Amino acid sequence: MEIPDGLIEPNKNAPFGFSLDFFYGYLWKEKNSIYLSLIISRYPGKGNFKKLVNSILLSGFTCKVPNPLFIMKYILEKWGFKKTYEYVEIAGEDVEVYTKK
């Protein structure tokens, strides 16, 4: 799947089923990685976030979640994500990023 680097906003034509029908937030593509930033499911507990993650992984991309909060860390670890750190120039420091290939 050819997707240009940069912002991916939720809409009916967005890849991975990333639609406003299901999500608030945005994705960011950088090389072979898709970053999930500030994603909020419109219908928590219905499996939409898991479907989004699986679609990204099945498309051959690495899935990355920067600075997940609270229960999201537990969910990501349960799904096999690994905690890593990446330097973010605008922040001037390393940030926590949960990653799965």
N, C-alpha and C. Protein backbone atom coordinates (compact mmCIF):
# COMPACT_ATOMS: atom_id res chain seq x y z
N MET A 1 0.85 -1.17 0.00
CA MET A 1 0.00 0.00 0.00
C MET A 1 0.90 1.23 0.00
N GLU A 2 0.72 2.09 -0.99
CA GLU A 2 1.54 3.31 -1.10
C GLU A 2 0.82 4.47 -0.41
N ILE A 3 1.43 4.95 0.65
CA ILE A 3 0.88 6.08 1.40
C ILE A 3 2.01 7.08 1.58
N PRO A 4 1.78 8.35 1.25
CA PRO A 4 2.85 9.33 1.43
C PRO A 4 3.12 9.59 2.91
N ASP A 5 4.35 9.94 3.24
CA ASP A 5 4.68 10.31 4.62
C ASP A 5 3.87 11.54 5.02
N GLY A 6 3.53 11.59 6.30
CA GLY A 6 2.83 12.76 6.83
C GLY A 6 1.53 12.38 7.52
N LEU A 7 0.71 13.38 7.72
CA LEU A 7 -0.54 13.28 8.46
C LEU A 7 -1.58 12.44 7.72
N ILE A 8 -2.26 11.57 8.48
CA ILE A 8 -3.41 10.82 7.96
C ILE A 8 -4.59 11.15 8.86
N GLU A 9 -5.54 11.89 8.32
CA GLU A 9 -6.72 12.26 9.10
C GLU A 9 -7.83 11.24 8.88
N PRO A 10 -8.70 11.09 9.88
CA PRO A 10 -9.79 10.11 9.73
C PRO A 10 -10.83 10.61 8.73
N ASN A 11 -11.09 9.80 7.71
CA ASN A 11 -12.16 10.08 6.76
C ASN A 11 -12.51 8.79 6.04
N LYS A 12 -13.56 8.81 5.25
CA LYS A 12 -14.03 7.56 4.64
C LYS A 12 -13.05 6.99 3.62
N ASN A 13 -12.11 7.78 3.14
CA ASN A 13 -11.12 7.30 2.18
C ASN A 13 -9.76 7.00 2.81
N ALA A 14 -9.64 7.18 4.11
CA ALA A 14 -8.36 6.96 4.79
C ALA A 14 -8.02 5.47 4.81
N PRO A 15 -6.74 5.15 4.78
CA PRO A 15 -6.34 3.74 4.86
C PRO A 15 -6.63 3.14 6.24
N PHE A 16 -6.62 1.83 6.29
CA PHE A 16 -6.74 1.05 7.53
C PHE A 16 -8.11 1.16 8.19
N GLY A 17 -9.13 1.68 7.49
CA GLY A 17 -10.44 1.86 8.09
C GLY A 17 -10.47 2.98 9.11
N PHE A 18 -9.53 3.91 8.98
CA PHE A 18 -9.42 5.02 9.93
C PHE A 18 -10.43 6.10 9.57
N SER A 19 -11.66 5.90 10.02
CA SER A 19 -12.79 6.74 9.64
C SER A 19 -13.32 7.53 10.81
N LEU A 20 -13.90 8.70 10.51
CA LEU A 20 -14.56 9.50 11.54
C LEU A 20 -15.75 8.76 12.14
N ASP A 21 -16.23 7.74 11.45
CA ASP A 21 -17.32 6.92 12.00
C ASP A 21 -16.88 6.20 13.27
N PHE A 22 -15.56 5.97 13.39
CA PHE A 22 -15.05 5.17 14.50
C PHE A 22 -14.05 5.89 15.41
N PHE A 23 -13.35 6.92 14.90
CA PHE A 23 -12.24 7.48 15.65
C PHE A 23 -12.18 9.01 15.63
N TYR A 24 -11.61 9.54 16.70
CA TYR A 24 -11.10 10.90 16.76
C TYR A 24 -9.59 10.76 16.81
N GLY A 25 -8.86 11.78 16.37
CA GLY A 25 -7.41 11.74 16.45
C GLY A 25 -6.79 11.75 15.07
N TYR A 26 -5.55 11.30 14.99
CA TYR A 26 -4.87 11.26 13.70
C TYR A 26 -3.78 10.19 13.72
N LEU A 27 -3.38 9.81 12.53
CA LEU A 27 -2.23 8.92 12.32
C LEU A 27 -1.15 9.75 11.66
N TRP A 28 0.07 9.28 11.77
CA TRP A 28 1.21 9.93 11.13
C TRP A 28 2.08 8.85 10.53
N LYS A 29 2.36 8.94 9.23
CA LYS A 29 3.24 7.97 8.57
C LYS A 29 4.62 8.56 8.42
N GLU A 30 5.63 7.77 8.82
CA GLU A 30 7.02 8.15 8.63
C GLU A 30 7.77 6.90 8.20
N LYS A 31 8.21 6.89 6.95
CA LYS A 31 8.88 5.74 6.35
C LYS A 31 7.98 4.53 6.44
N ASN A 32 8.38 3.46 7.13
CA ASN A 32 7.57 2.24 7.20
C ASN A 32 6.82 2.14 8.54
N SER A 33 6.61 3.25 9.19
CA SER A 33 5.91 3.25 10.49
C SER A 33 4.66 4.11 10.43
N ILE A 34 3.64 3.66 11.14
CA ILE A 34 2.42 4.44 11.34
C ILE A 34 2.32 4.74 12.82
N TYR A 35 2.29 6.03 13.15
CA TYR A 35 2.16 6.47 14.53
C TYR A 35 0.68 6.74 14.82
N LEU A 36 0.19 6.22 15.92
CA LEU A 36 -1.18 6.46 16.36
C LEU A 36 -1.13 7.48 17.47
N SER A 37 -1.62 8.68 17.18
CA SER A 37 -1.51 9.78 18.13
C SER A 37 -2.88 10.26 18.57
N LEU A 38 -3.07 10.29 19.87
CA LEU A 38 -4.30 10.82 20.45
C LEU A 38 -5.55 10.17 19.85
N ILE A 39 -5.50 8.86 19.65
CA ILE A 39 -6.63 8.14 19.08
C ILE A 39 -7.66 7.88 20.17
N ILE A 40 -8.90 8.25 19.88
CA ILE A 40 -10.01 7.97 20.78
C ILE A 40 -11.08 7.26 19.98
N SER A 41 -11.50 6.10 20.46
CA SER A 41 -12.57 5.37 19.80
C SER A 41 -13.91 6.00 20.13
N ARG A 42 -14.74 6.16 19.13
CA ARG A 42 -16.10 6.67 19.36
C ARG A 42 -16.95 5.62 20.09
N TYR A 43 -16.54 4.35 19.99
CA TYR A 43 -17.28 3.26 20.60
C TYR A 43 -16.32 2.37 21.38
N PRO A 44 -15.88 2.80 22.55
CA PRO A 44 -14.91 2.02 23.34
C PRO A 44 -15.44 0.61 23.63
N GLY A 45 -14.50 -0.33 23.62
CA GLY A 45 -14.83 -1.71 23.96
C GLY A 45 -15.45 -2.51 22.84
N LYS A 46 -15.53 -1.95 21.63
CA LYS A 46 -16.14 -2.66 20.50
C LYS A 46 -15.10 -3.28 19.55
N GLY A 47 -13.81 -3.12 19.87
CA GLY A 47 -12.76 -3.73 19.05
C GLY A 47 -12.28 -2.90 17.88
N ASN A 48 -12.74 -1.67 17.77
CA ASN A 48 -12.33 -0.85 16.62
C ASN A 48 -10.85 -0.48 16.65
N PHE A 49 -10.32 -0.21 17.82
CA PHE A 49 -8.89 0.12 17.93
C PHE A 49 -8.04 -1.09 17.56
N LYS A 50 -8.43 -2.26 18.03
CA LYS A 50 -7.69 -3.48 17.69
C LYS A 50 -7.73 -3.74 16.18
N LYS A 51 -8.88 -3.52 15.55
CA LYS A 51 -8.99 -3.68 14.10
C LYS A 51 -8.07 -2.71 13.38
N LEU A 52 -8.00 -1.48 13.87
CA LEU A 52 -7.11 -0.48 13.28
C LEU A 52 -5.66 -0.93 13.37
N VAL A 53 -5.24 -1.36 14.55
CA VAL A 53 -3.86 -1.83 14.75
C VAL A 53 -3.57 -3.03 13.85
N ASN A 54 -4.48 -3.99 13.81
CA ASN A 54 -4.27 -5.19 12.98
C ASN A 54 -4.19 -4.83 11.50
N SER A 55 -5.01 -3.88 11.05
CA SER A 55 -4.98 -3.46 9.66
C SER A 55 -3.63 -2.83 9.30
N ILE A 56 -3.10 -2.03 10.21
CA ILE A 56 -1.79 -1.41 10.00
C ILE A 56 -0.71 -2.48 9.91
N LEU A 57 -0.72 -3.42 10.85
CA LEU A 57 0.29 -4.48 10.87
C LEU A 57 0.18 -5.39 9.65
N LEU A 58 -1.04 -5.76 9.28
CA LEU A 58 -1.24 -6.65 8.12
C LEU A 58 -0.87 -5.97 6.80
N SER A 59 -0.84 -4.64 6.81
CA SER A 59 -0.41 -3.89 5.62
C SER A 59 1.10 -3.77 5.53
N GLY A 60 1.82 -4.35 6.51
CA GLY A 60 3.27 -4.37 6.47
C GLY A 60 3.96 -3.22 7.17
N PHE A 61 3.22 -2.39 7.87
CA PHE A 61 3.80 -1.26 8.57
C PHE A 61 4.10 -1.63 10.02
N THR A 62 5.05 -0.92 10.61
CA THR A 62 5.29 -0.98 12.04
C THR A 62 4.29 -0.02 12.68
N CYS A 63 3.67 -0.45 13.77
CA CYS A 63 2.68 0.35 14.47
C CYS A 63 3.34 0.94 15.72
N LYS A 64 3.23 2.27 15.89
CA LYS A 64 3.87 2.94 17.02
C LYS A 64 2.86 3.84 17.74
N VAL A 65 2.89 3.77 19.07
CA VAL A 65 2.00 4.59 19.89
C VAL A 65 2.86 5.40 20.85
N PRO A 66 3.03 6.71 20.57
CA PRO A 66 3.85 7.54 21.46
C PRO A 66 3.09 7.95 22.72
N ASN A 67 3.79 7.90 23.83
CA ASN A 67 3.28 8.36 25.12
C ASN A 67 1.87 7.89 25.45
N PRO A 68 1.62 6.56 25.41
CA PRO A 68 0.27 6.10 25.77
C PRO A 68 0.00 6.35 27.25
N LEU A 69 -1.26 6.59 27.55
CA LEU A 69 -1.66 6.89 28.91
C LEU A 69 -2.30 5.69 29.60
N PHE A 70 -2.09 5.60 30.87
CA PHE A 70 -2.77 4.71 31.80
C PHE A 70 -3.03 3.31 31.24
N ILE A 71 -4.29 2.96 31.07
CA ILE A 71 -4.67 1.60 30.70
C ILE A 71 -4.17 1.22 29.31
N MET A 72 -3.94 2.23 28.44
CA MET A 72 -3.46 1.93 27.09
C MET A 72 -2.10 1.23 27.13
N LYS A 73 -1.23 1.58 28.07
CA LYS A 73 0.06 0.89 28.19
C LYS A 73 -0.15 -0.60 28.44
N TYR A 74 -1.07 -0.92 29.33
CA TYR A 74 -1.36 -2.32 29.66
C TYR A 74 -1.91 -3.04 28.43
N ILE A 75 -2.82 -2.41 27.73
CA ILE A 75 -3.42 -3.03 26.53
C ILE A 75 -2.34 -3.30 25.49
N LEU A 76 -1.49 -2.32 25.22
CA LEU A 76 -0.43 -2.47 24.22
C LEU A 76 0.55 -3.58 24.61
N GLU A 77 0.93 -3.64 25.87
CA GLU A 77 1.83 -4.71 26.32
C GLU A 77 1.18 -6.07 26.15
N LYS A 78 -0.10 -6.16 26.46
CA LYS A 78 -0.85 -7.41 26.32
C LYS A 78 -0.88 -7.86 24.86
N TRP A 79 -0.92 -6.91 23.93
CA TRP A 79 -0.95 -7.21 22.51
C TRP A 79 0.44 -7.42 21.91
N GLY A 80 1.50 -7.39 22.74
CA GLY A 80 2.84 -7.67 22.26
C GLY A 80 3.66 -6.47 21.85
N PHE A 81 3.20 -5.26 22.14
CA PHE A 81 3.99 -4.07 21.86
C PHE A 81 5.16 -3.99 22.85
N LYS A 82 6.27 -3.45 22.40
CA LYS A 82 7.46 -3.27 23.24
C LYS A 82 7.70 -1.79 23.49
N LYS A 83 8.04 -1.45 24.73
CA LYS A 83 8.35 -0.07 25.07
C LYS A 83 9.74 0.28 24.55
N THR A 84 9.81 1.37 23.79
CA THR A 84 11.07 1.87 23.27
C THR A 84 11.10 3.37 23.54
N TYR A 85 12.18 4.00 23.16
CA TYR A 85 12.29 5.45 23.28
C TYR A 85 12.81 6.00 21.96
N GLU A 86 12.27 7.14 21.56
CA GLU A 86 12.72 7.81 20.35
C GLU A 86 12.98 9.28 20.68
N TYR A 87 14.04 9.79 20.10
CA TYR A 87 14.34 11.21 20.29
C TYR A 87 13.41 12.05 19.42
N VAL A 88 12.77 13.03 20.02
CA VAL A 88 11.88 13.94 19.31
C VAL A 88 12.51 15.33 19.37
N GLU A 89 12.92 15.80 18.20
CA GLU A 89 13.67 17.06 18.14
C GLU A 89 12.88 18.24 18.70
N ILE A 90 11.61 18.32 18.36
CA ILE A 90 10.81 19.46 18.83
C ILE A 90 10.67 19.47 20.35
N ALA A 91 10.68 18.27 20.97
CA ALA A 91 10.62 18.19 22.44
C ALA A 91 12.00 18.30 23.07
N GLY A 92 13.02 18.00 22.28
CA GLY A 92 14.38 18.06 22.78
C GLY A 92 14.73 16.94 23.74
N GLU A 93 13.99 15.83 23.64
CA GLU A 93 14.23 14.70 24.54
C GLU A 93 13.66 13.41 23.95
N ASP A 94 14.02 12.30 24.59
CA ASP A 94 13.45 11.01 24.23
C ASP A 94 12.04 10.91 24.77
N VAL A 95 11.16 10.29 23.97
CA VAL A 95 9.79 10.04 24.42
C VAL A 95 9.52 8.54 24.35
N GLU A 96 8.63 8.09 25.22
CA GLU A 96 8.25 6.69 25.27
C GLU A 96 7.37 6.36 24.05
N VAL A 97 7.72 5.28 23.33
CA VAL A 97 6.95 4.86 22.17
C VAL A 97 6.78 3.34 22.24
N TYR A 98 5.53 2.90 22.25
CA TYR A 98 5.24 1.46 22.23
C TYR A 98 5.17 1.04 20.77
N THR A 99 5.93 -0.03 20.43
CA THR A 99 6.14 -0.41 19.03
C THR A 99 5.84 -1.89 18.81
N LYS A 100 5.23 -2.16 17.65
CA LYS A 100 5.01 -3.56 17.23
C LYS A 100 5.20 -3.62 15.72
N LYS A 101 5.96 -4.66 15.29
CA LYS A 101 6.23 -4.88 13.86
C LYS A 101 5.37 -6.00 13.34
